[in-house]
C-alpha atoms as a PDB file:
ATOM      1  CA  MET A   1     121.281 140.428 141.520  1.00  0.00           C
ATOM      2  CA  CYS A   2     124.884 140.115 140.816  1.00  0.00           C
ATOM      3  CA  GLY A   3     125.991 137.346 138.982  1.00  0.00           C
ATOM      4  CA  SER A   4     128.352 135.761 141.438  1.00  0.00           C
ATOM      5  CA  TYR A   5     126.058 136.623 144.356  1.00  0.00           C
ATOM      6  CA  LYS A   6     123.199 135.229 142.768  1.00  0.00           C
ATOM      7  CA  ARG A   7     125.265 131.982 141.902  1.00  0.00           C
ATOM      8  CA  SER A   8     126.044 131.582 145.467  1.00  0.00           C
ATOM      9  CA  PHE A   9     122.649 132.093 146.536  1.00  0.00           C
ATOM     10  CA  CYS A  10     121.255 129.341 144.206  1.00  0.00           C
ATOM     11  CA  LYS A  11     124.125 127.024 145.036  1.00  0.00           C
ATOM     12  CA  GLU A  12     123.281 127.614 148.918  1.00  0.00           C
ATOM     13  CA  ALA A  13     119.831 126.956 148.195  1.00  0.00           C
ATOM     14  CA  LEU A  14     120.551 123.458 146.476  1.00  0.00           C
ATOM     15  CA  ARG A  15     122.294 122.326 149.464  1.00  0.00           C
ATOM     16  CA  TYR A  16     118.816 122.273 151.271  1.00  0.00           C
ATOM     17  CA  LEU A  17     116.445 121.667 148.531  1.00  0.00           C
ATOM     18  CA  LYS A  18     116.234 118.196 147.826  1.00  0.00           C
ATOM     19  CA  ARG A  19     114.876 116.745 144.418  1.00  0.00           C
ATOM     20  CA  GLU A  20     112.759 114.051 146.234  1.00  0.00           C
ATOM     21  CA  ALA A  21     110.985 116.766 148.568  1.00  0.00           C
ATOM     22  CA  ASP A  22     110.007 119.278 145.782  1.00  0.00           C
ATOM     23  CA  PRO A  23     111.242 118.288 142.204  1.00  0.00           C
ATOM     24  CA  GLN A  24     109.864 121.440 140.534  1.00  0.00           C
ATOM     25  CA  LEU A  25     111.418 123.800 142.891  1.00  0.00           C
ATOM     26  CA  TRP A  26     114.503 121.908 142.526  1.00  0.00           C
ATOM     27  CA  ALA A  27     114.547 122.011 138.799  1.00  0.00           C
ATOM     28  CA  ALA A  28     113.875 125.430 138.639  1.00  0.00           C
ATOM     29  CA  THR A  29     116.680 126.118 141.154  1.00  0.00           C
ATOM     30  CA  GLN A  30     118.861 124.190 138.555  1.00  0.00           C
ATOM     31  CA  VAL A  31     117.620 126.416 135.637  1.00  0.00           C
ATOM     32  CA  GLU A  32     118.448 129.489 137.643  1.00  0.00           C
ATOM     33  CA  VAL A  33     122.069 128.042 138.388  1.00  0.00           C
ATOM     34  CA  GLY A  34     122.424 127.163 134.934  1.00  0.00           C
ATOM     35  CA  GLY A  35     121.482 130.722 133.616  1.00  0.00           C
ATOM     36  CA  THR A  36     123.790 132.283 135.881  1.00  0.00           C
ATOM     37  CA  HIS A  37     126.587 130.402 135.019  1.00  0.00           C
ATOM     38  CA  ALA A  38     125.730 130.700 131.379  1.00  0.00           C
ATOM     39  CA  GLU A  39     125.773 134.581 131.855  1.00  0.00           C
ATOM     40  CA  LEU A  40     129.193 134.349 133.558  1.00  0.00           C
ATOM     41  CA  GLY A  41     130.583 132.257 130.986  1.00  0.00           C
ATOM     42  CA  ILE A  42     129.381 134.138 127.394  1.00  0.00           C
ATOM     43  CA  PRO A  43     131.623 137.206 127.671  1.00  0.00           C
ATOM     44  CA  GLY A  44     134.808 135.475 129.087  1.00  0.00           C
ATOM     45  CA  GLU A  45     137.541 133.252 127.374  1.00  0.00           C
ATOM     46  CA  GLY A  46     139.848 130.737 128.710  1.00  0.00           C
ATOM     47  CA  ARG A  47     139.427 128.218 131.794  1.00  0.00           C
ATOM     48  CA  ALA A  48     137.005 130.520 133.909  1.00  0.00           C
ATOM     49  CA  ALA A  49     134.471 130.722 131.063  1.00  0.00           C
ATOM     50  CA  ASN A  50     134.608 127.432 130.105  1.00  0.00           C
ATOM     51  CA  GLU A  51     134.144 126.212 133.746  1.00  0.00           C
ATOM     52  CA  HIS A  52     130.933 128.349 133.719  1.00  0.00           C
ATOM     53  CA  LEU A  53     129.539 126.932 130.578  1.00  0.00           C
ATOM     54  CA  THR A  54     130.273 123.469 131.827  1.00  0.00           C
ATOM     55  CA  ASP A  55     128.506 123.933 134.814  1.00  0.00           C
ATOM     56  CA  ALA A  56     125.487 125.791 132.944  1.00  0.00           C
ATOM     57  CA  ILE A  57     125.298 122.702 130.939  1.00  0.00           C
ATOM     58  CA  THR A  58     125.514 120.326 133.961  1.00  0.00           C
ATOM     59  CA  ALA A  59     122.616 122.231 135.649  1.00  0.00           C
ATOM     60  CA  TYR A  60     120.311 122.450 132.814  1.00  0.00           C
ATOM     61  CA  ARG A  61     120.737 118.678 132.388  1.00  0.00           C
ATOM     62  CA  ASN A  62     119.676 118.113 136.096  1.00  0.00           C
ATOM     63  CA  ALA A  63     116.771 120.303 135.282  1.00  0.00           C
ATOM     64  CA  LEU A  64     115.729 118.207 132.257  1.00  0.00           C
ATOM     65  CA  GLU A  65     115.568 115.060 134.628  1.00  0.00           C
ATOM     66  CA  VAL A  66     112.375 116.856 136.170  1.00  0.00           C
ATOM     67  CA  TYR A  67     111.311 118.712 133.222  1.00  0.00           C
ATOM     68  CA  THR A  68     110.731 115.991 130.868  1.00  0.00           C
ATOM     69  CA  ARG A  69     109.203 116.614 127.354  1.00  0.00           C
ATOM     70  CA  GLU A  70     106.252 114.506 128.293  1.00  0.00           C
ATOM     71  CA  VAL A  71     105.180 116.115 131.525  1.00  0.00           C
ATOM     72  CA  PHE A  72     106.360 119.577 131.132  1.00  0.00           C
ATOM     73  CA  PRO A  73     106.517 120.333 127.450  1.00  0.00           C
ATOM     74  CA  SER A  74     107.132 124.182 127.646  1.00  0.00           C
ATOM     75  CA  TYR A  75     109.623 123.970 130.210  1.00  0.00           C
ATOM     76  CA  TYR A  76     111.371 121.129 128.596  1.00  0.00           C
ATOM     77  CA  GLU A  77     111.832 123.258 125.363  1.00  0.00           C
ATOM     78  CA  LEU A  78     112.894 126.410 127.189  1.00  0.00           C
ATOM     79  CA  VAL A  79     115.590 124.481 129.334  1.00  0.00           C
ATOM     80  CA  ARG A  80     116.619 122.484 126.102  1.00  0.00           C
ATOM     81  CA  LYS A  81     117.282 125.860 124.205  1.00  0.00           C
ATOM     82  CA  ASN A  82     119.223 127.407 126.586  1.00  0.00           C
ATOM     83  CA  LEU A  83     121.189 123.820 126.911  1.00  0.00           C
ATOM     84  CA  ASP A  84     121.715 123.711 123.349  1.00  0.00           C
ATOM     85  CA  LYS A  85     123.145 127.452 123.511  1.00  0.00           C
ATOM     86  CA  ALA A  86     125.486 126.805 126.282  1.00  0.00           C
ATOM     87  CA  ALA A  87     126.744 123.923 124.684  1.00  0.00           C
ATOM     88  CA  THR A  88     127.295 125.486 121.352  1.00  0.00           C
ATOM     89  CA  LEU A  89     129.047 128.370 123.325  1.00  0.00           C
ATOM     90  CA  LEU A  90     131.335 125.772 124.966  1.00  0.00           C
ATOM     91  CA  ALA A  91     132.101 124.071 121.377  1.00  0.00           C
ATOM     92  CA  GLN A  92     132.945 127.437 119.947  1.00  0.00           C
ATOM     93  CA  ALA A  93     135.132 128.768 123.129  1.00  0.00           C
ATOM     94  CA  LYS A  94     138.780 129.439 122.836  1.00  0.00           C
ATOM     95  CA  PRO A  95     140.681 126.805 124.874  1.00  0.00           C
ATOM     96  CA  ASP A  96     142.651 128.002 128.076  1.00  0.00           C
ATOM     97  CA  VAL A  97     145.913 129.365 126.994  1.00  0.00           C
ATOM     98  CA  GLN A  98     148.517 129.514 129.831  1.00  0.00           C
END
């Protein structure tokens, strides 16, 4: 699935998915959103890439609200690694030059 299409699909799904109704599905969708934004942010530079990486970090942090170390240790570790990678890439990113 194309990155921008997948991003739109996941964001649309989050409009209807409520964390309270199905926390695991909500968290899994957050991980998909994070992964899509990370993929879109990795090859780029500037404002768009930085925004994608920031959105990835936000989505991963949201997922970790459900995927806690105590309840879902394997999911926690996977999402935590993705979060750390996105944060590292954002820290190394070139600032937006206009």
